[in-house]
Amino acid sequence: MNTMILTLLILCYSLVLGIIFTQVLLTAPVVFKVLDDQSASKFLRKIFPRYYLLLFLIILIALLISFLFFEDFDVYLALTAAIFALIGFMIIPITNSARDRGWEKLFKWLHNLSVFNTLIIMIIAILQIFRVTTL
């Protein structure tokens, strides 16, 4: 396997992990400590669509690399991660609407789905980094 292709795939998944860890460990906790609820809500409503869109676009690059140079298993993993990122992006308006209307059960369920999506994407990224470094 060409080392440049391996490096590109590892870079894609490393970027995905970096974005996730930055959002989970730095951005979200600080927002709730520094901003009032209304300002935090405004900020998060702007950042989360960009978060999922950026994850989706980077994963699409990983999907293309996997499709062209790797096995079907790698393609399926990248496709799964892309679908989870796209779902995360698509549920944001519904999540915001549920919050605005006071539908707390729906909001909590959608928020948990968003967390689950991020977790799946993170697991796939870690798995792929370890998997392709052993090729």
C-alpha atoms as a PDB file:
ATOM      1  CA  MET A   1       0.000   0.000   0.000  1.00  0.00           C
ATOM      2  CA  ASN A   2       1.225   3.454  -0.895  1.00  0.00           C
ATOM      3  CA  THR A   3       2.292   5.266   2.298  1.00  0.00           C
ATOM      4  CA  MET A   4       0.891   8.565   1.039  1.00  0.00           C
ATOM      5  CA  ILE A   5      -2.585   7.038   0.657  1.00  0.00           C
ATOM      6  CA  LEU A   6      -2.331   5.477   4.137  1.00  0.00           C
ATOM      7  CA  THR A   7      -1.256   8.825   5.544  1.00  0.00           C
ATOM      8  CA  LEU A   8      -4.180  10.627   3.902  1.00  0.00           C
ATOM      9  CA  LEU A   9      -6.691   8.191   5.365  1.00  0.00           C
ATOM     10  CA  ILE A  10      -5.096   8.411   8.813  1.00  0.00           C
ATOM     11  CA  LEU A  11      -5.122  12.209   8.517  1.00  0.00           C
ATOM     12  CA  CYS A  12      -8.842  12.230   7.709  1.00  0.00           C
ATOM     13  CA  TYR A  13      -9.725  10.097  10.708  1.00  0.00           C
ATOM     14  CA  SER A  14      -7.312  12.018  12.935  1.00  0.00           C
ATOM     15  CA  LEU A  15      -9.023  15.261  11.941  1.00  0.00           C
ATOM     16  CA  VAL A  16     -12.378  13.690  12.773  1.00  0.00           C
ATOM     17  CA  LEU A  17     -11.091  12.713  16.224  1.00  0.00           C
ATOM     18  CA  GLY A  18      -9.583  16.151  16.756  1.00  0.00           C
ATOM     19  CA  ILE A  19     -12.866  17.856  15.901  1.00  0.00           C
ATOM     20  CA  ILE A  20     -14.839  15.549  18.185  1.00  0.00           C
ATOM     21  CA  PHE A  21     -12.446  15.931  21.117  1.00  0.00           C
ATOM     22  CA  THR A  22     -12.292  19.710  20.668  1.00  0.00           C
ATOM     23  CA  GLN A  23     -16.079  19.941  20.693  1.00  0.00           C
ATOM     24  CA  VAL A  24     -16.635  17.529  23.589  1.00  0.00           C
ATOM     25  CA  LEU A  25     -13.702  18.432  25.830  1.00  0.00           C
ATOM     26  CA  LEU A  26     -13.190  22.123  25.132  1.00  0.00           C
ATOM     27  CA  THR A  27     -16.068  23.912  23.451  1.00  0.00           C
ATOM     28  CA  ALA A  28     -19.206  22.469  25.065  1.00  0.00           C
ATOM     29  CA  PRO A  29     -18.026  22.554  28.718  1.00  0.00           C
ATOM     30  CA  VAL A  30     -16.668  26.116  28.408  1.00  0.00           C
ATOM     31  CA  VAL A  31     -19.812  27.418  26.714  1.00  0.00           C
ATOM     32  CA  PHE A  32     -22.017  26.346  29.607  1.00  0.00           C
ATOM     33  CA  LYS A  33     -19.639  27.814  32.197  1.00  0.00           C
ATOM     34  CA  VAL A  34     -19.065  31.170  30.489  1.00  0.00           C
ATOM     35  CA  LEU A  35     -22.334  32.003  28.721  1.00  0.00           C
ATOM     36  CA  ASP A  36     -25.851  32.376  30.040  1.00  0.00           C
ATOM     37  CA  ASP A  37     -28.418  29.843  28.793  1.00  0.00           C
ATOM     38  CA  GLN A  38     -29.744  32.028  25.969  1.00  0.00           C
ATOM     39  CA  SER A  39     -26.274  32.932  24.658  1.00  0.00           C
ATOM     40  CA  ALA A  40     -25.090  29.319  24.994  1.00  0.00           C
ATOM     41  CA  SER A  41     -28.123  28.169  23.024  1.00  0.00           C
ATOM     42  CA  LYS A  42     -27.470  30.717  20.248  1.00  0.00           C
ATOM     43  CA  PHE A  43     -23.810  29.707  20.053  1.00  0.00           C
ATOM     44  CA  LEU A  44     -24.497  25.966  20.012  1.00  0.00           C
ATOM     45  CA  ARG A  45     -27.177  26.375  17.343  1.00  0.00           C
ATOM     46  CA  LYS A  46     -24.540  27.972  15.120  1.00  0.00           C
ATOM     47  CA  ILE A  47     -21.677  25.599  15.912  1.00  0.00           C
ATOM     48  CA  PHE A  48     -23.379  22.184  15.766  1.00  0.00           C
ATOM     49  CA  PRO A  49     -24.511  22.315  12.126  1.00  0.00           C
ATOM     50  CA  ARG A  50     -20.950  23.279  11.169  1.00  0.00           C
ATOM     51  CA  TYR A  51     -19.570  20.533  13.432  1.00  0.00           C
ATOM     52  CA  TYR A  52     -21.580  17.776  11.758  1.00  0.00           C
ATOM     53  CA  LEU A  53     -21.115  19.210   8.268  1.00  0.00           C
ATOM     54  CA  LEU A  54     -17.345  19.345   8.723  1.00  0.00           C
ATOM     55  CA  LEU A  55     -17.297  15.781  10.065  1.00  0.00           C
ATOM     56  CA  PHE A  56     -19.415  14.679   7.104  1.00  0.00           C
ATOM     57  CA  LEU A  57     -17.151  16.341   4.528  1.00  0.00           C
ATOM     58  CA  ILE A  58     -13.954  14.910   6.013  1.00  0.00           C
ATOM     59  CA  ILE A  59     -15.523  11.467   6.233  1.00  0.00           C
ATOM     60  CA  LEU A  60     -16.575  11.750   2.576  1.00  0.00           C
ATOM     61  CA  ILE A  61     -12.899  12.192   1.704  1.00  0.00           C
ATOM     62  CA  ALA A  62     -12.092   9.117   3.813  1.00  0.00           C
ATOM     63  CA  LEU A  63     -14.896   7.267   2.014  1.00  0.00           C
ATOM     64  CA  LEU A  64     -13.479   8.172  -1.389  1.00  0.00           C
ATOM     65  CA  ILE A  65      -9.964   7.096  -0.364  1.00  0.00           C
ATOM     66  CA  SER A  66     -11.349   3.864   1.083  1.00  0.00           C
ATOM     67  CA  PHE A  67     -13.387   3.180  -2.055  1.00  0.00           C
ATOM     68  CA  LEU A  68     -10.422   3.734  -4.367  1.00  0.00           C
ATOM     69  CA  PHE A  69      -7.634   2.073  -2.414  1.00  0.00           C
ATOM     70  CA  PHE A  70      -8.915  -0.110   0.431  1.00  0.00           C
ATOM     71  CA  GLU A  71     -11.111  -3.124   1.099  1.00  0.00           C
ATOM     72  CA  ASP A  72     -14.904  -3.247   1.169  1.00  0.00           C
ATOM     73  CA  PHE A  73     -14.831  -3.340   4.985  1.00  0.00           C
ATOM     74  CA  ASP A  74     -13.094   0.057   5.061  1.00  0.00           C
ATOM     75  CA  VAL A  75     -15.661   1.464   2.634  1.00  0.00           C
ATOM     76  CA  TYR A  76     -18.529   0.185   4.800  1.00  0.00           C
ATOM     77  CA  LEU A  77     -17.016   1.727   7.913  1.00  0.00           C
ATOM     78  CA  ALA A  78     -16.526   5.095   6.202  1.00  0.00           C
ATOM     79  CA  LEU A  79     -20.038   4.933   4.762  1.00  0.00           C
ATOM     80  CA  THR A  80     -21.448   4.168   8.215  1.00  0.00           C
ATOM     81  CA  ALA A  81     -19.567   7.114   9.736  1.00  0.00           C
ATOM     82  CA  ALA A  82     -20.780   9.391   6.932  1.00  0.00           C
ATOM     83  CA  ILE A  83     -24.387   8.324   7.472  1.00  0.00           C
ATOM     84  CA  PHE A  84     -24.139   8.969  11.215  1.00  0.00           C
ATOM     85  CA  ALA A  85     -22.639  12.425  10.577  1.00  0.00           C
ATOM     86  CA  LEU A  86     -25.390  13.208   8.078  1.00  0.00           C
ATOM     87  CA  ILE A  87     -28.087  12.061  10.509  1.00  0.00           C
ATOM     88  CA  GLY A  88     -26.506  14.252  13.196  1.00  0.00           C
ATOM     89  CA  PHE A  89     -26.660  17.198  10.821  1.00  0.00           C
ATOM     90  CA  MET A  90     -30.237  16.498   9.750  1.00  0.00           C
ATOM     91  CA  ILE A  91     -31.722  16.171  13.240  1.00  0.00           C
ATOM     92  CA  ILE A  92     -30.435  19.558  14.435  1.00  0.00           C
ATOM     93  CA  PRO A  93     -33.498  21.566  13.308  1.00  0.00           C
ATOM     94  CA  ILE A  94     -35.841  19.003  14.882  1.00  0.00           C
ATOM     95  CA  THR A  95     -33.809  19.020  18.095  1.00  0.00           C
ATOM     96  CA  ASN A  96     -33.903  22.827  18.233  1.00  0.00           C
ATOM     97  CA  SER A  97     -37.634  22.862  17.558  1.00  0.00           C
ATOM     98  CA  ALA A  98     -38.277  20.299  20.294  1.00  0.00           C
ATOM     99  CA  ARG A  99     -36.292  22.439  22.734  1.00  0.00           C
ATOM    100  CA  ASP A 100     -38.141  25.613  21.715  1.00  0.00           C
ATOM    101  CA  ARG A 101     -41.543  23.969  22.120  1.00  0.00           C
ATOM    102  CA  GLY A 102     -40.699  22.470  25.506  1.00  0.00           C
ATOM    103  CA  TRP A 103     -40.907  18.899  24.247  1.00  0.00           C
ATOM    104  CA  GLU A 104     -38.280  17.737  26.711  1.00  0.00           C
ATOM    105  CA  LYS A 105     -38.663  13.977  26.103  1.00  0.00           C
ATOM    106  CA  LEU A 106     -38.185  14.409  22.348  1.00  0.00           C
ATOM    107  CA  PHE A 107     -35.359  16.880  22.895  1.00  0.00           C
ATOM    108  CA  LYS A 108     -33.583  14.492  25.277  1.00  0.00           C
ATOM    109  CA  TRP A 109     -34.035  11.567  22.881  1.00  0.00           C
ATOM    110  CA  LEU A 110     -32.664  13.565  19.927  1.00  0.00           C
ATOM    111  CA  HIS A 111     -29.795  14.912  22.015  1.00  0.00           C
ATOM    112  CA  ASN A 112     -28.921  11.370  23.083  1.00  0.00           C
ATOM    113  CA  LEU A 113     -29.088  10.292  19.431  1.00  0.00           C
ATOM    114  CA  SER A 114     -26.642  13.067  18.592  1.00  0.00           C
ATOM    115  CA  VAL A 115     -24.286  11.892  21.339  1.00  0.00           C
ATOM    116  CA  PHE A 116     -24.639   8.299  20.110  1.00  0.00           C
ATOM    117  CA  ASN A 117     -23.846   9.403  16.534  1.00  0.00           C
ATOM    118  CA  THR A 118     -20.715  11.181  17.707  1.00  0.00           C
ATOM    119  CA  LEU A 119     -19.667   8.114  19.711  1.00  0.00           C
ATOM    120  CA  ILE A 120     -20.085   5.816  16.706  1.00  0.00           C
ATOM    121  CA  ILE A 121     -18.104   8.188  14.479  1.00  0.00           C
ATOM    122  CA  MET A 122     -15.358   8.385  17.108  1.00  0.00           C
ATOM    123  CA  ILE A 123     -15.174   4.580  17.454  1.00  0.00           C
ATOM    124  CA  ILE A 124     -14.972   4.143  13.680  1.00  0.00           C
ATOM    125  CA  ALA A 125     -12.210   6.761  13.430  1.00  0.00           C
ATOM    126  CA  ILE A 126     -10.167   5.089  16.182  1.00  0.00           C
ATOM    127  CA  LEU A 127     -10.748   1.640  14.679  1.00  0.00           C
ATOM    128  CA  GLN A 128      -9.676   2.793  11.236  1.00  0.00           C
ATOM    129  CA  ILE A 129      -6.544   4.525  12.481  1.00  0.00           C
ATOM    130  CA  PHE A 130      -5.413   1.361  14.235  1.00  0.00           C
ATOM    131  CA  ARG A 131      -6.571  -0.877  11.396  1.00  0.00           C
ATOM    132  CA  VAL A 132      -4.752   0.923   8.568  1.00  0.00           C
ATOM    133  CA  THR A 133      -1.558   1.397  10.580  1.00  0.00           C
ATOM    134  CA  THR A 134      -1.250  -2.397  10.741  1.00  0.00           C
ATOM    135  CA  LEU A 135      -1.469  -2.832   6.953  1.00  0.00           C
END
